[in-house]
C-alpha cells in the first residue's frame, strides 16, 4: 500500500491497541511503526534489480516483527518510563509492524513474507496499491481522534468505525475476486482456451473492474471484466511472450529476477536496437496490437546487452506521457460496464 495508507492505518490501529493507556502518543507511535518496514526503499535507490529484490524483502517478512518489536519495546520503555510494561510494548509494536506486510500482500506487487526461508512473493491482487475507499475512512478516523479530547468516548467509536469500514472493504474485495476469477475461467473455457496458469488482478482505485492474465504455450490472453457488465462474456487480447529475445543473455541473474518479480507473466519485444521487458502481472489497457506493447503498459524495463554478454537494466516509465484525465475517464467508463471503453482486440 502507499505511504499515506500505512501512516493512517498505523495511527488508527495504534489508537485501538494502546490509546486508552498512553493517549494520543499511541497514534504517533503506531504511524511510525507501521511505516517502518518501508525504510528498505533507501537500500535500492537507482538500481531496478535491487529494487524488485530488496524492496518488500526481509523487512516485510514474518520474521522481522519478532526481531524489531522487542527492540522497539525496550527503547519505548526507556523513553516513556513505566507507562506500560515491556510485554505490552512488545505486543503493540509486533501488531503494528506485522500488519504492514499483511496489507501489502493484498496488492499485486507481492511481498516476500517467508524470507529468509523462501523468496516467494505473496500477492492476493485484491486491492490496488492506492485505494481511496480503503484509506479515506482511516483518514477520517485519525482526524476525529486528533480533534476529540482524549477522555471523550467518541474517539474510540470514530476510530473503531474507520477500522471496521476498511476491514469490511478488504473482505469485500477478496469475495469479489473469487467470483470474478470464476467468470474469467468460464469465459476462457467457452472460447476453448486451455491455460497453464492464470491470475486475476484489480485495476486502479476500485474493486469493480478486474483483469486476468492467462498463460498458454506461446504467450498470454489478457482480458477484463467489471461486476457491472451486462453479461459475463470477456474479450481477450493475445500477447506473445517472445522469450527467445532474451535466450542469449549470458548474465542470467537480472533476467531471472525480472521473471521472478513478474511471477512468470512477462513479454519481451524488440523496438529498433532496444529490448523491452514487460511485467504483465500489473495488467494492461487500451491494446493496439499494431503498436509496441509500451503504448499499453505504464512502465517497462529496457535491456541493453554489453560486449561481455551481461545485461544492463533500466526502468522506463510511461507516466510522463500519460493523459491522466483521458485515462481516468476511460477507466471510469469501463468500470461502469462499457465494454468498448478500452477497445481491446479480441485475440480468439
C-alpha atoms as a PDB file:
ATOM      1  CA  UNK A   1       0.000   0.000   0.000  1.00  0.00           C
ATOM      2  CA  UNK A   2       1.034   3.634  -0.339  1.00  0.00           C
ATOM      3  CA  UNK A   3       2.795   5.513   2.463  1.00  0.00           C
ATOM      4  CA  UNK A   4      -0.232   7.621   3.435  1.00  0.00           C
ATOM      5  CA  UNK A   5      -2.326   4.490   3.909  1.00  0.00           C
ATOM      6  CA  UNK A   6       0.299   2.919   6.174  1.00  0.00           C
ATOM      7  CA  UNK A   7       0.543   6.114   8.213  1.00  0.00           C
ATOM      8  CA  UNK A   8      -3.189   6.497   8.858  1.00  0.00           C
ATOM      9  CA  UNK A   9      -3.757   2.763   9.281  1.00  0.00           C
ATOM     10  CA  UNK A  10      -0.906   2.624  11.784  1.00  0.00           C
ATOM     11  CA  UNK A  11      -2.258   5.644  13.642  1.00  0.00           C
ATOM     12  CA  UNK A  12      -5.770   4.176  13.829  1.00  0.00           C
ATOM     13  CA  UNK A  13      -4.539   0.746  14.873  1.00  0.00           C
ATOM     14  CA  UNK A  14      -2.149   2.263  17.407  1.00  0.00           C
ATOM     15  CA  UNK A  15      -5.046   4.170  18.945  1.00  0.00           C
ATOM     16  CA  UNK A  16      -7.122   0.989  19.093  1.00  0.00           C
ATOM     17  CA  UNK A  17      -4.367  -1.077  20.720  1.00  0.00           C
ATOM     18  CA  UNK A  18      -2.874   1.346  23.238  1.00  0.00           C
ATOM     19  CA  UNK A  19      -4.718   4.663  23.027  1.00  0.00           C
ATOM     20  CA  UNK A  20      -6.536   4.237  26.342  1.00  0.00           C
ATOM     21  CA  UNK A  21      -3.252   3.720  28.176  1.00  0.00           C
ATOM     22  CA  UNK A  22      -0.881   6.259  26.644  1.00  0.00           C
ATOM     23  CA  UNK A  23      -3.257   8.670  24.907  1.00  0.00           C
ATOM     24  CA  UNK A  24      -2.592  10.239  21.527  1.00  0.00           C
ATOM     25  CA  UNK A  25       1.058   9.139  21.571  1.00  0.00           C
ATOM     26  CA  UNK A  26      -0.242   5.732  20.507  1.00  0.00           C
ATOM     27  CA  UNK A  27      -1.276   7.216  17.171  1.00  0.00           C
ATOM     28  CA  UNK A  28       2.128   8.734  16.515  1.00  0.00           C
ATOM     29  CA  UNK A  29       3.988   5.583  17.510  1.00  0.00           C
ATOM     30  CA  UNK A  30       1.537   3.444  15.546  1.00  0.00           C
ATOM     31  CA  UNK A  31       2.027   5.505  12.390  1.00  0.00           C
ATOM     32  CA  UNK A  32       5.812   5.278  12.741  1.00  0.00           C
ATOM     33  CA  UNK A  33       5.833   1.534  13.450  1.00  0.00           C
ATOM     34  CA  UNK A  34       3.527   0.678  10.559  1.00  0.00           C
ATOM     35  CA  UNK A  35       5.720   2.706   8.198  1.00  0.00           C
ATOM     36  CA  UNK A  36       8.991   1.210   9.465  1.00  0.00           C
ATOM     37  CA  UNK A  37       9.247  -1.747   7.012  1.00  0.00           C
ATOM     38  CA  UNK A  38       9.224   0.628   4.029  1.00  0.00           C
ATOM     39  CA  UNK A  39      12.571   2.117   5.066  1.00  0.00           C
ATOM     40  CA  UNK A  40      14.049  -0.609   2.863  1.00  0.00           C
ATOM     41  CA  UNK A  41      13.499   1.744  -0.097  1.00  0.00           C
ATOM     42  CA  UNK A  42      16.713   3.521   0.892  1.00  0.00           C
ATOM     43  CA  UNK A  43      18.644   0.299   0.129  1.00  0.00           C
ATOM     44  CA  UNK A  44      17.617   0.185  -3.515  1.00  0.00           C
ATOM     45  CA  UNK A  45      17.835   3.716  -4.920  1.00  0.00           C
ATOM     46  CA  UNK A  46      18.940   3.786  -8.547  1.00  0.00           C
ATOM     47  CA  UNK A  47      19.096   0.036  -9.135  1.00  0.00           C
ATOM     48  CA  UNK A  48      15.951  -1.558 -10.648  1.00  0.00           C
ATOM     49  CA  UNK A  49      17.074  -5.134  -9.897  1.00  0.00           C
ATOM     50  CA  UNK A  50      17.884  -4.354  -6.260  1.00  0.00           C
ATOM     51  CA  UNK A  51      14.575  -2.523  -6.061  1.00  0.00           C
ATOM     52  CA  UNK A  52      12.449  -5.513  -7.014  1.00  0.00           C
ATOM     53  CA  UNK A  53      14.644  -7.891  -4.996  1.00  0.00           C
ATOM     54  CA  UNK A  54      15.122  -5.989  -1.726  1.00  0.00           C
ATOM     55  CA  UNK A  55      12.003  -3.832  -1.508  1.00  0.00           C
ATOM     56  CA  UNK A  56       9.282  -5.732   0.325  1.00  0.00           C
ATOM     57  CA  UNK A  57      12.024  -8.144   1.298  1.00  0.00           C
ATOM     58  CA  UNK A  58      13.298  -9.077   4.765  1.00  0.00           C
ATOM     59  CA  UNK A  59      11.752  -6.015   6.433  1.00  0.00           C
ATOM     60  CA  UNK A  60       8.374  -7.233   5.148  1.00  0.00           C
ATOM     61  CA  UNK A  61       8.842 -10.821   6.277  1.00  0.00           C
ATOM     62  CA  UNK A  62       7.067 -12.571   9.133  1.00  0.00           C
ATOM     63  CA  UNK A  63      10.432 -12.852  10.901  1.00  0.00           C
ATOM     64  CA  UNK A  64      11.098  -9.105  11.074  1.00  0.00           C
ATOM     65  CA  UNK A  65       8.476  -8.225  13.758  1.00  0.00           C
ATOM     66  CA  UNK A  66       9.969 -10.851  16.116  1.00  0.00           C
ATOM     67  CA  UNK A  67      13.300  -9.008  15.922  1.00  0.00           C
ATOM     68  CA  UNK A  68      12.152  -5.402  15.705  1.00  0.00           C
ATOM     69  CA  UNK A  69       9.272  -5.420  18.220  1.00  0.00           C
ATOM     70  CA  UNK A  70      11.317  -6.320  21.344  1.00  0.00           C
ATOM     71  CA  UNK A  71      13.995  -3.770  20.416  1.00  0.00           C
ATOM     72  CA  UNK A  72      11.427  -1.000  19.935  1.00  0.00           C
ATOM     73  CA  UNK A  73       9.674  -2.081  23.134  1.00  0.00           C
ATOM     74  CA  UNK A  74      12.916  -1.715  25.067  1.00  0.00           C
ATOM     75  CA  UNK A  75      13.516   1.736  23.589  1.00  0.00           C
ATOM     76  CA  UNK A  76       9.937   2.833  24.296  1.00  0.00           C
ATOM     77  CA  UNK A  77      10.214   1.592  27.877  1.00  0.00           C
ATOM     78  CA  UNK A  78      13.402   3.598  28.386  1.00  0.00           C
ATOM     79  CA  UNK A  79      11.941   6.774  26.851  1.00  0.00           C
ATOM     80  CA  UNK A  80       8.401   6.641  28.256  1.00  0.00           C
ATOM     81  CA  UNK A  81       9.479   5.115  31.584  1.00  0.00           C
ATOM     82  CA  UNK A  82       6.815   2.962  33.253  1.00  0.00           C
ATOM     83  CA  UNK A  83       3.659   3.946  31.374  1.00  0.00           C
ATOM     84  CA  UNK A  84       3.224   0.340  30.207  1.00  0.00           C
ATOM     85  CA  UNK A  85       5.310  -2.799  30.658  1.00  0.00           C
ATOM     86  CA  UNK A  86       7.774  -4.421  28.275  1.00  0.00           C
ATOM     87  CA  UNK A  87       5.322  -7.169  27.231  1.00  0.00           C
ATOM     88  CA  UNK A  88       2.635  -4.623  26.371  1.00  0.00           C
ATOM     89  CA  UNK A  89       5.056  -2.529  24.347  1.00  0.00           C
ATOM     90  CA  UNK A  90       6.266  -5.650  22.531  1.00  0.00           C
ATOM     91  CA  UNK A  91       2.723  -6.725  21.662  1.00  0.00           C
ATOM     92  CA  UNK A  92       1.960  -3.193  20.465  1.00  0.00           C
ATOM     93  CA  UNK A  93       4.942  -2.939  18.121  1.00  0.00           C
ATOM     94  CA  UNK A  94       4.566  -6.524  16.928  1.00  0.00           C
ATOM     95  CA  UNK A  95       0.953  -5.866  15.914  1.00  0.00           C
ATOM     96  CA  UNK A  96       1.780  -2.591  14.175  1.00  0.00           C
ATOM     97  CA  UNK A  97       4.756  -3.985  12.261  1.00  0.00           C
ATOM     98  CA  UNK A  98       3.266  -7.295  11.125  1.00  0.00           C
ATOM     99  CA  UNK A  99       0.137  -5.660   9.741  1.00  0.00           C
ATOM    100  CA  UNK A 100       2.268  -3.682   7.275  1.00  0.00           C
ATOM    101  CA  UNK A 101       3.317  -6.668   5.112  1.00  0.00           C
ATOM    102  CA  UNK A 102      -0.101  -8.255   5.540  1.00  0.00           C
ATOM    103  CA  UNK A 103      -1.638  -5.140   3.985  1.00  0.00           C
ATOM    104  CA  UNK A 104       0.947  -5.154   1.208  1.00  0.00           C
ATOM    105  CA  UNK A 105       0.069  -8.776   0.411  1.00  0.00           C
ATOM    106  CA  UNK A 106      -3.312  -7.558  -0.804  1.00  0.00           C
ATOM    107  CA  UNK A 107      -1.650  -5.761  -3.739  1.00  0.00           C
ATOM    108  CA  UNK A 108      -0.192  -7.146  -6.975  1.00  0.00           C
ATOM    109  CA  UNK A 109       3.397  -6.058  -6.264  1.00  0.00           C
ATOM    110  CA  UNK A 110       3.945  -9.010  -3.956  1.00  0.00           C
ATOM    111  CA  UNK A 111       5.579  -9.359  -0.541  1.00  0.00           C
ATOM    112  CA  UNK A 112       8.331 -11.782   0.451  1.00  0.00           C
ATOM    113  CA  UNK A 113       6.642 -12.894   3.663  1.00  0.00           C
ATOM    114  CA  UNK A 114       8.623 -16.109   4.032  1.00  0.00           C
ATOM    115  CA  UNK A 115      12.166 -14.711   3.935  1.00  0.00           C
ATOM    116  CA  UNK A 116      14.804 -15.864   4.767  1.00  0.00           C
ATOM    117  CA  UNK A 117      13.391 -19.321   4.058  1.00  0.00           C
ATOM    118  CA  UNK A 118      11.768 -18.562   0.699  1.00  0.00           C
ATOM    119  CA  UNK A 119      11.614 -15.574  -1.665  1.00  0.00           C
ATOM    120  CA  UNK A 120       8.133 -16.496  -2.872  1.00  0.00           C
ATOM    121  CA  UNK A 121       6.106 -13.343  -3.452  1.00  0.00           C
ATOM    122  CA  UNK A 122       2.731 -13.490  -1.709  1.00  0.00           C
ATOM    123  CA  UNK A 123       0.205 -11.333  -3.578  1.00  0.00           C
ATOM    124  CA  UNK A 124      -3.569 -11.637  -3.310  1.00  0.00           C
ATOM    125  CA  UNK A 125      -4.155  -8.988  -6.021  1.00  0.00           C
ATOM    126  CA  UNK A 126      -7.394  -7.802  -4.420  1.00  0.00           C
ATOM    127  CA  UNK A 127      -6.564  -4.124  -3.769  1.00  0.00           C
ATOM    128  CA  UNK A 128      -4.719  -1.583  -5.874  1.00  0.00           C
ATOM    129  CA  UNK A 129      -1.706  -0.020  -4.156  1.00  0.00           C
ATOM    130  CA  UNK A 130      -3.733   3.207  -3.823  1.00  0.00           C
ATOM    131  CA  UNK A 131      -7.392   2.745  -2.950  1.00  0.00           C
ATOM    132  CA  UNK A 132      -9.199   5.792  -1.629  1.00  0.00           C
ATOM    133  CA  UNK A 133     -12.208   3.849  -0.374  1.00  0.00           C
ATOM    134  CA  UNK A 134      -9.927   1.837   1.890  1.00  0.00           C
ATOM    135  CA  UNK A 135      -7.900   4.846   3.039  1.00  0.00           C
ATOM    136  CA  UNK A 136     -10.473   7.640   3.470  1.00  0.00           C
ATOM    137  CA  UNK A 137     -12.329   6.044   6.433  1.00  0.00           C
ATOM    138  CA  UNK A 138      -8.977   5.751   8.202  1.00  0.00           C
ATOM    139  CA  UNK A 139      -8.132   9.389   7.480  1.00  0.00           C
ATOM    140  CA  UNK A 140     -11.494  10.475   8.907  1.00  0.00           C
ATOM    141  CA  UNK A 141     -10.980   8.291  11.980  1.00  0.00           C
ATOM    142  CA  UNK A 142      -7.499   9.675  12.629  1.00  0.00           C
ATOM    143  CA  UNK A 143      -8.624  13.291  12.226  1.00  0.00           C
ATOM    144  CA  UNK A 144     -11.527  12.670  14.617  1.00  0.00           C
ATOM    145  CA  UNK A 145      -9.178  11.165  17.201  1.00  0.00           C
ATOM    146  CA  UNK A 146      -6.825  14.127  16.901  1.00  0.00           C
ATOM    147  CA  UNK A 147      -9.630  16.651  17.352  1.00  0.00           C
ATOM    148  CA  UNK A 148     -11.685  14.934  20.058  1.00  0.00           C
ATOM    149  CA  UNK A 149     -10.357  15.125  23.617  1.00  0.00           C
ATOM    150  CA  UNK A 150      -8.576  12.066  24.972  1.00  0.00           C
ATOM    151  CA  UNK A 151     -11.199  11.326  27.649  1.00  0.00           C
ATOM    152  CA  UNK A 152     -14.143  11.501  25.237  1.00  0.00           C
ATOM    153  CA  UNK A 153     -15.537   8.002  24.454  1.00  0.00           C
ATOM    154  CA  UNK A 154     -16.483   9.183  20.949  1.00  0.00           C
ATOM    155  CA  UNK A 155     -12.799   8.917  19.984  1.00  0.00           C
ATOM    156  CA  UNK A 156     -12.937   5.162  20.299  1.00  0.00           C
ATOM    157  CA  UNK A 157     -16.206   4.943  18.353  1.00  0.00           C
ATOM    158  CA  UNK A 158     -14.898   7.016  15.439  1.00  0.00           C
ATOM    159  CA  UNK A 159     -11.685   5.025  15.360  1.00  0.00           C
ATOM    160  CA  UNK A 160     -13.424   1.659  15.521  1.00  0.00           C
ATOM    161  CA  UNK A 161     -15.802   2.703  12.758  1.00  0.00           C
ATOM    162  CA  UNK A 162     -12.921   3.685  10.443  1.00  0.00           C
ATOM    163  CA  UNK A 163     -11.089   0.408  11.015  1.00  0.00           C
ATOM    164  CA  UNK A 164     -14.268  -1.632  10.598  1.00  0.00           C
ATOM    165  CA  UNK A 165     -15.207   0.030   7.291  1.00  0.00           C
ATOM    166  CA  UNK A 166     -11.724  -0.505   5.859  1.00  0.00           C
ATOM    167  CA  UNK A 167     -11.573  -4.119   7.072  1.00  0.00           C
ATOM    168  CA  UNK A 168     -15.004  -4.825   5.591  1.00  0.00           C
ATOM    169  CA  UNK A 169     -13.820  -3.344   2.292  1.00  0.00           C
ATOM    170  CA  UNK A 170     -10.875  -5.763   2.264  1.00  0.00           C
ATOM    171  CA  UNK A 171     -13.187  -8.734   2.818  1.00  0.00           C
ATOM    172  CA  UNK A 172     -15.495  -7.453   0.076  1.00  0.00           C
ATOM    173  CA  UNK A 173     -12.592  -7.164  -2.383  1.00  0.00           C
ATOM    174  CA  UNK A 174     -11.499 -10.739  -1.669  1.00  0.00           C
ATOM    175  CA  UNK A 175     -15.035 -12.043  -2.134  1.00  0.00           C
ATOM    176  CA  UNK A 176     -15.469 -10.186  -5.423  1.00  0.00           C
ATOM    177  CA  UNK A 177     -12.128 -11.510  -6.666  1.00  0.00           C
ATOM    178  CA  UNK A 178     -13.193 -15.113  -6.062  1.00  0.00           C
ATOM    179  CA  UNK A 179     -16.377 -14.605  -8.095  1.00  0.00           C
ATOM    180  CA  UNK A 180     -14.625 -12.672 -10.877  1.00  0.00           C
ATOM    181  CA  UNK A 181     -11.961 -15.376 -11.184  1.00  0.00           C
ATOM    182  CA  UNK A 182     -14.740 -17.866 -11.899  1.00  0.00           C
ATOM    183  CA  UNK A 183     -16.088 -15.581 -14.630  1.00  0.00           C
ATOM    184  CA  UNK A 184     -12.670 -15.426 -16.290  1.00  0.00           C
ATOM    185  CA  UNK A 185     -12.205 -19.189 -16.096  1.00  0.00           C
ATOM    186  CA  UNK A 186     -15.623 -19.865 -17.610  1.00  0.00           C
ATOM    187  CA  UNK A 187     -15.012 -17.316 -20.383  1.00  0.00           C
ATOM    188  CA  UNK A 188     -11.722 -18.989 -21.304  1.00  0.00           C
ATOM    189  CA  UNK A 189     -13.366 -22.407 -21.367  1.00  0.00           C
ATOM    190  CA  UNK A 190     -16.156 -21.062 -23.589  1.00  0.00           C
ATOM    191  CA  UNK A 191     -13.507 -19.932 -26.100  1.00  0.00           C
ATOM    192  CA  UNK A 192     -11.752 -23.281 -25.920  1.00  0.00           C
ATOM    193  CA  UNK A 193      -8.621 -21.783 -24.359  1.00  0.00           C
ATOM    194  CA  UNK A 194      -6.697 -24.146 -22.106  1.00  0.00           C
ATOM    195  CA  UNK A 195      -4.469 -22.162 -19.796  1.00  0.00           C
ATOM    196  CA  UNK A 196      -1.440 -23.366 -17.856  1.00  0.00           C
ATOM    197  CA  UNK A 197      -1.506 -20.581 -15.278  1.00  0.00           C
ATOM    198  CA  UNK A 198      -3.923 -17.745 -14.681  1.00  0.00           C
ATOM    199  CA  UNK A 199      -4.053 -14.724 -12.400  1.00  0.00           C
ATOM    200  CA  UNK A 200      -6.763 -12.203 -11.563  1.00  0.00           C
ATOM    201  CA  UNK A 201      -5.937  -8.652 -10.505  1.00  0.00           C
ATOM    202  CA  UNK A 202      -7.758  -5.427  -9.749  1.00  0.00           C
ATOM    203  CA  UNK A 203      -7.495  -2.204 -11.756  1.00  0.00           C
ATOM    204  CA  UNK A 204      -6.508   1.174 -10.218  1.00  0.00           C
ATOM    205  CA  UNK A 205      -8.533   2.839  -7.463  1.00  0.00           C
ATOM    206  CA  UNK A 206     -11.529   0.446  -7.403  1.00  0.00           C
ATOM    207  CA  UNK A 207     -12.773  -3.102  -6.857  1.00  0.00           C
ATOM    208  CA  UNK A 208     -15.371  -3.067  -9.653  1.00  0.00           C
ATOM    209  CA  UNK A 209     -13.095  -3.662 -12.666  1.00  0.00           C
ATOM    210  CA  UNK A 210     -10.733  -6.634 -12.808  1.00  0.00           C
ATOM    211  CA  UNK A 211      -8.325  -8.140 -15.333  1.00  0.00           C
ATOM    212  CA  UNK A 212      -6.904 -11.583 -15.977  1.00  0.00           C
ATOM    213  CA  UNK A 213      -3.640 -12.833 -17.469  1.00  0.00           C
ATOM    214  CA  UNK A 214      -3.971 -16.403 -18.721  1.00  0.00           C
ATOM    215  CA  UNK A 215      -0.822 -18.231 -19.850  1.00  0.00           C
ATOM    216  CA  UNK A 216      -0.698 -20.570 -22.845  1.00  0.00           C
ATOM    217  CA  UNK A 217       2.293 -22.086 -24.651  1.00  0.00           C
ATOM    218  CA  UNK A 218       3.465 -19.021 -26.571  1.00  0.00           C
ATOM    219  CA  UNK A 219       2.029 -16.119 -24.558  1.00  0.00           C
ATOM    220  CA  UNK A 220      -0.977 -14.797 -22.684  1.00  0.00           C
ATOM    221  CA  UNK A 221      -4.619 -13.965 -23.144  1.00  0.00           C
ATOM    222  CA  UNK A 222      -5.426 -10.749 -21.272  1.00  0.00           C
ATOM    223  CA  UNK A 223      -8.984  -9.624 -20.630  1.00  0.00           C
ATOM    224  CA  UNK A 224     -11.049  -7.517 -18.249  1.00  0.00           C
ATOM    225  CA  UNK A 225     -14.429  -7.758 -16.560  1.00  0.00           C
ATOM    226  CA  UNK A 226     -16.483  -5.340 -14.478  1.00  0.00           C
ATOM    227  CA  UNK A 227     -19.026  -6.616 -11.994  1.00  0.00           C
ATOM    228  CA  UNK A 228     -21.346  -4.028 -13.578  1.00  0.00           C
ATOM    229  CA  UNK A 229     -21.057  -5.622 -17.039  1.00  0.00           C
ATOM    230  CA  UNK A 230     -24.399  -6.621 -18.558  1.00  0.00           C
ATOM    231  CA  UNK A 231     -23.152 -10.157 -19.250  1.00  0.00           C
ATOM    232  CA  UNK A 232     -20.240 -12.423 -18.366  1.00  0.00           C
ATOM    233  CA  UNK A 233     -18.547 -12.559 -21.762  1.00  0.00           C
ATOM    234  CA  UNK A 234     -14.913 -11.449 -21.811  1.00  0.00           C
ATOM    235  CA  UNK A 235     -12.945 -10.032 -24.747  1.00  0.00           C
ATOM    236  CA  UNK A 236      -9.310 -11.070 -24.858  1.00  0.00           C
ATOM    237  CA  UNK A 237      -6.155  -9.699 -26.451  1.00  0.00           C
ATOM    238  CA  UNK A 238      -3.296 -12.114 -27.090  1.00  0.00           C
ATOM    239  CA  UNK A 239       0.282 -11.094 -26.273  1.00  0.00           C
ATOM    240  CA  UNK A 240       3.257 -13.230 -27.274  1.00  0.00           C
ATOM    241  CA  UNK A 241       5.906 -13.968 -24.676  1.00  0.00           C
ATOM    242  CA  UNK A 242       8.835 -13.787 -27.140  1.00  0.00           C
ATOM    243  CA  UNK A 243      11.242 -15.372 -24.654  1.00  0.00           C
ATOM    244  CA  UNK A 244      13.646 -16.144 -27.479  1.00  0.00           C
ATOM    245  CA  UNK A 245      14.642 -12.452 -27.458  1.00  0.00           C
ATOM    246  CA  UNK A 246      16.401 -12.920 -24.103  1.00  0.00           C
ATOM    247  CA  UNK A 247      17.602 -16.502 -24.617  1.00  0.00           C
ATOM    248  CA  UNK A 248      21.177 -15.492 -25.448  1.00  0.00           C
ATOM    249  CA  UNK A 249      21.816 -13.309 -22.394  1.00  0.00           C
ATOM    250  CA  UNK A 250      24.868 -14.696 -20.591  1.00  0.00           C
ATOM    251  CA  UNK A 251      24.337 -12.976 -17.249  1.00  0.00           C
ATOM    252  CA  UNK A 252      21.046 -14.574 -16.248  1.00  0.00           C
ATOM    253  CA  UNK A 253      20.686 -13.033 -12.771  1.00  0.00           C
ATOM    254  CA  UNK A 254      18.969  -9.825 -13.905  1.00  0.00           C
ATOM    255  CA  UNK A 255      16.668 -11.687 -16.289  1.00  0.00           C
ATOM    256  CA  UNK A 256      15.824 -14.309 -13.668  1.00  0.00           C
ATOM    257  CA  UNK A 257      14.949 -11.581 -11.168  1.00  0.00           C
ATOM    258  CA  UNK A 258      12.660  -9.858 -13.665  1.00  0.00           C
ATOM    259  CA  UNK A 259      10.858 -13.110 -14.476  1.00  0.00           C
ATOM    260  CA  UNK A 260      10.616 -13.923 -10.758  1.00  0.00           C
ATOM    261  CA  UNK A 261       9.213 -10.472  -9.991  1.00  0.00           C
ATOM    262  CA  UNK A 262       6.674 -10.932 -12.799  1.00  0.00           C
ATOM    263  CA  UNK A 263       5.519 -14.264 -11.350  1.00  0.00           C
ATOM    264  CA  UNK A 264       6.251 -15.673 -14.806  1.00  0.00           C
ATOM    265  CA  UNK A 265       3.814 -13.295 -16.557  1.00  0.00           C
ATOM    266  CA  UNK A 266       6.002 -11.311 -18.931  1.00  0.00           C
ATOM    267  CA  UNK A 267       6.517 -10.319 -22.539  1.00  0.00           C
ATOM    268  CA  UNK A 268       9.602  -9.208 -24.447  1.00  0.00           C
ATOM    269  CA  UNK A 269       9.739  -7.124 -27.602  1.00  0.00           C
ATOM    270  CA  UNK A 270      12.395  -5.597 -29.799  1.00  0.00           C
ATOM    271  CA  UNK A 271      11.964  -1.963 -30.831  1.00  0.00           C
ATOM    272  CA  UNK A 272      14.883  -0.874 -33.015  1.00  0.00           C
ATOM    273  CA  UNK A 273      18.008  -1.854 -31.087  1.00  0.00           C
ATOM    274  CA  UNK A 274      16.226  -1.809 -27.723  1.00  0.00           C
ATOM    275  CA  UNK A 275      14.950  -4.947 -25.988  1.00  0.00           C
ATOM    276  CA  UNK A 276      11.971  -4.257 -23.728  1.00  0.00           C
ATOM    277  CA  UNK A 277      10.790  -6.469 -20.857  1.00  0.00           C
ATOM    278  CA  UNK A 278       7.162  -6.069 -19.707  1.00  0.00           C
ATOM    279  CA  UNK A 279       5.762  -7.272 -16.396  1.00  0.00           C
ATOM    280  CA  UNK A 280       2.226  -8.286 -17.339  1.00  0.00           C
ATOM    281  CA  UNK A 281       1.002  -9.122 -13.838  1.00  0.00           C
ATOM    282  CA  UNK A 282       0.041  -5.447 -13.360  1.00  0.00           C
ATOM    283  CA  UNK A 283      -2.375  -5.643 -16.298  1.00  0.00           C
ATOM    284  CA  UNK A 284      -2.705  -3.507 -19.402  1.00  0.00           C
ATOM    285  CA  UNK A 285      -5.395  -1.406 -21.043  1.00  0.00           C
ATOM    286  CA  UNK A 286      -6.065   0.059 -24.460  1.00  0.00           C
ATOM    287  CA  UNK A 287      -4.401  -2.589 -26.609  1.00  0.00           C
ATOM    288  CA  UNK A 288      -3.410  -1.708 -30.134  1.00  0.00           C
ATOM    289  CA  UNK A 289      -1.546  -4.760 -31.381  1.00  0.00           C
ATOM    290  CA  UNK A 290      -0.159  -2.762 -34.316  1.00  0.00           C
ATOM    291  CA  UNK A 291       1.883  -0.679 -31.889  1.00  0.00           C
ATOM    292  CA  UNK A 292       4.670  -1.591 -29.424  1.00  0.00           C
ATOM    293  CA  UNK A 293       3.392  -3.005 -26.153  1.00  0.00           C
ATOM    294  CA  UNK A 294       4.879   0.026 -24.391  1.00  0.00           C
ATOM    295  CA  UNK A 295       1.930   2.050 -25.676  1.00  0.00           C
ATOM    296  CA  UNK A 296      -0.352  -0.040 -23.436  1.00  0.00           C
ATOM    297  CA  UNK A 297       1.877  -0.641 -20.409  1.00  0.00           C
ATOM    298  CA  UNK A 298       2.733   2.205 -18.000  1.00  0.00           C
ATOM    299  CA  UNK A 299       6.316   1.076 -17.403  1.00  0.00           C
ATOM    300  CA  UNK A 300       8.823  -1.477 -18.656  1.00  0.00           C
ATOM    301  CA  UNK A 301      12.468  -2.479 -18.342  1.00  0.00           C
ATOM    302  CA  UNK A 302      14.935  -1.608 -21.066  1.00  0.00           C
ATOM    303  CA  UNK A 303      17.624  -4.283 -21.546  1.00  0.00           C
ATOM    304  CA  UNK A 304      20.998  -3.434 -23.060  1.00  0.00           C
ATOM    305  CA  UNK A 305      23.421  -6.255 -23.724  1.00  0.00           C
ATOM    306  CA  UNK A 306      27.067  -5.359 -23.060  1.00  0.00           C
ATOM    307  CA  UNK A 307      30.050  -6.628 -25.102  1.00  0.00           C
ATOM    308  CA  UNK A 308      30.809  -9.247 -22.411  1.00  0.00           C
ATOM    309  CA  UNK A 309      27.284 -10.677 -22.754  1.00  0.00           C
ATOM    310  CA  UNK A 310      25.939  -9.289 -19.487  1.00  0.00           C
ATOM    311  CA  UNK A 311      22.854  -7.090 -19.475  1.00  0.00           C
ATOM    312  CA  UNK A 312      22.192  -3.609 -18.098  1.00  0.00           C
ATOM    313  CA  UNK A 313      18.645  -2.945 -16.911  1.00  0.00           C
ATOM    314  CA  UNK A 314      16.904   0.420 -16.828  1.00  0.00           C
ATOM    315  CA  UNK A 315      13.366   1.083 -15.636  1.00  0.00           C
ATOM    316  CA  UNK A 316      11.374   3.192 -18.108  1.00  0.00           C
ATOM    317  CA  UNK A 317       8.204   4.975 -17.005  1.00  0.00           C
ATOM    318  CA  UNK A 318       5.464   5.983 -19.377  1.00  0.00           C
ATOM    319  CA  UNK A 319       3.578   8.012 -16.795  1.00  0.00           C
ATOM    320  CA  UNK A 320       5.096  11.253 -18.076  1.00  0.00           C
ATOM    321  CA  UNK A 321       3.274  10.707 -21.361  1.00  0.00           C
ATOM    322  CA  UNK A 322       0.042   9.620 -19.714  1.00  0.00           C
ATOM    323  CA  UNK A 323      -3.007  11.785 -20.361  1.00  0.00           C
ATOM    324  CA  UNK A 324      -4.395  11.405 -16.863  1.00  0.00           C
ATOM    325  CA  UNK A 325      -7.843  12.900 -17.420  1.00  0.00           C
ATOM    326  CA  UNK A 326      -8.448  10.787 -20.507  1.00  0.00           C
ATOM    327  CA  UNK A 327      -7.122   7.650 -18.810  1.00  0.00           C
ATOM    328  CA  UNK A 328      -9.329   8.130 -15.746  1.00  0.00           C
ATOM    329  CA  UNK A 329     -12.358   8.813 -17.955  1.00  0.00           C
ATOM    330  CA  UNK A 330     -11.819   5.564 -19.867  1.00  0.00           C
ATOM    331  CA  UNK A 331     -11.245   3.690 -16.616  1.00  0.00           C
ATOM    332  CA  UNK A 332     -14.496   5.037 -15.175  1.00  0.00           C
ATOM    333  CA  UNK A 333     -16.451   4.124 -18.300  1.00  0.00           C
ATOM    334  CA  UNK A 334     -15.071   0.588 -18.246  1.00  0.00           C
ATOM    335  CA  UNK A 335     -15.768   0.262 -14.502  1.00  0.00           C
ATOM    336  CA  UNK A 336     -19.386   1.196 -15.131  1.00  0.00           C
ATOM    337  CA  UNK A 337     -19.838  -1.592 -17.665  1.00  0.00           C
ATOM    338  CA  UNK A 338     -18.837  -0.065 -21.031  1.00  0.00           C
ATOM    339  CA  UNK A 339     -17.014  -2.988 -22.645  1.00  0.00           C
ATOM    340  CA  UNK A 340     -15.797  -0.875 -25.565  1.00  0.00           C
ATOM    341  CA  UNK A 341     -14.053   1.732 -23.414  1.00  0.00           C
ATOM    342  CA  UNK A 342     -10.608   0.195 -23.914  1.00  0.00           C
ATOM    343  CA  UNK A 343     -11.236  -1.100 -27.459  1.00  0.00           C
ATOM    344  CA  UNK A 344      -9.488  -4.388 -26.893  1.00  0.00           C
ATOM    345  CA  UNK A 345      -8.620  -6.577 -29.842  1.00  0.00           C
ATOM    346  CA  UNK A 346     -10.206  -9.985 -29.456  1.00  0.00           C
ATOM    347  CA  UNK A 347      -7.421 -12.480 -29.933  1.00  0.00           C
ATOM    348  CA  UNK A 348      -9.584 -15.597 -30.195  1.00  0.00           C
END
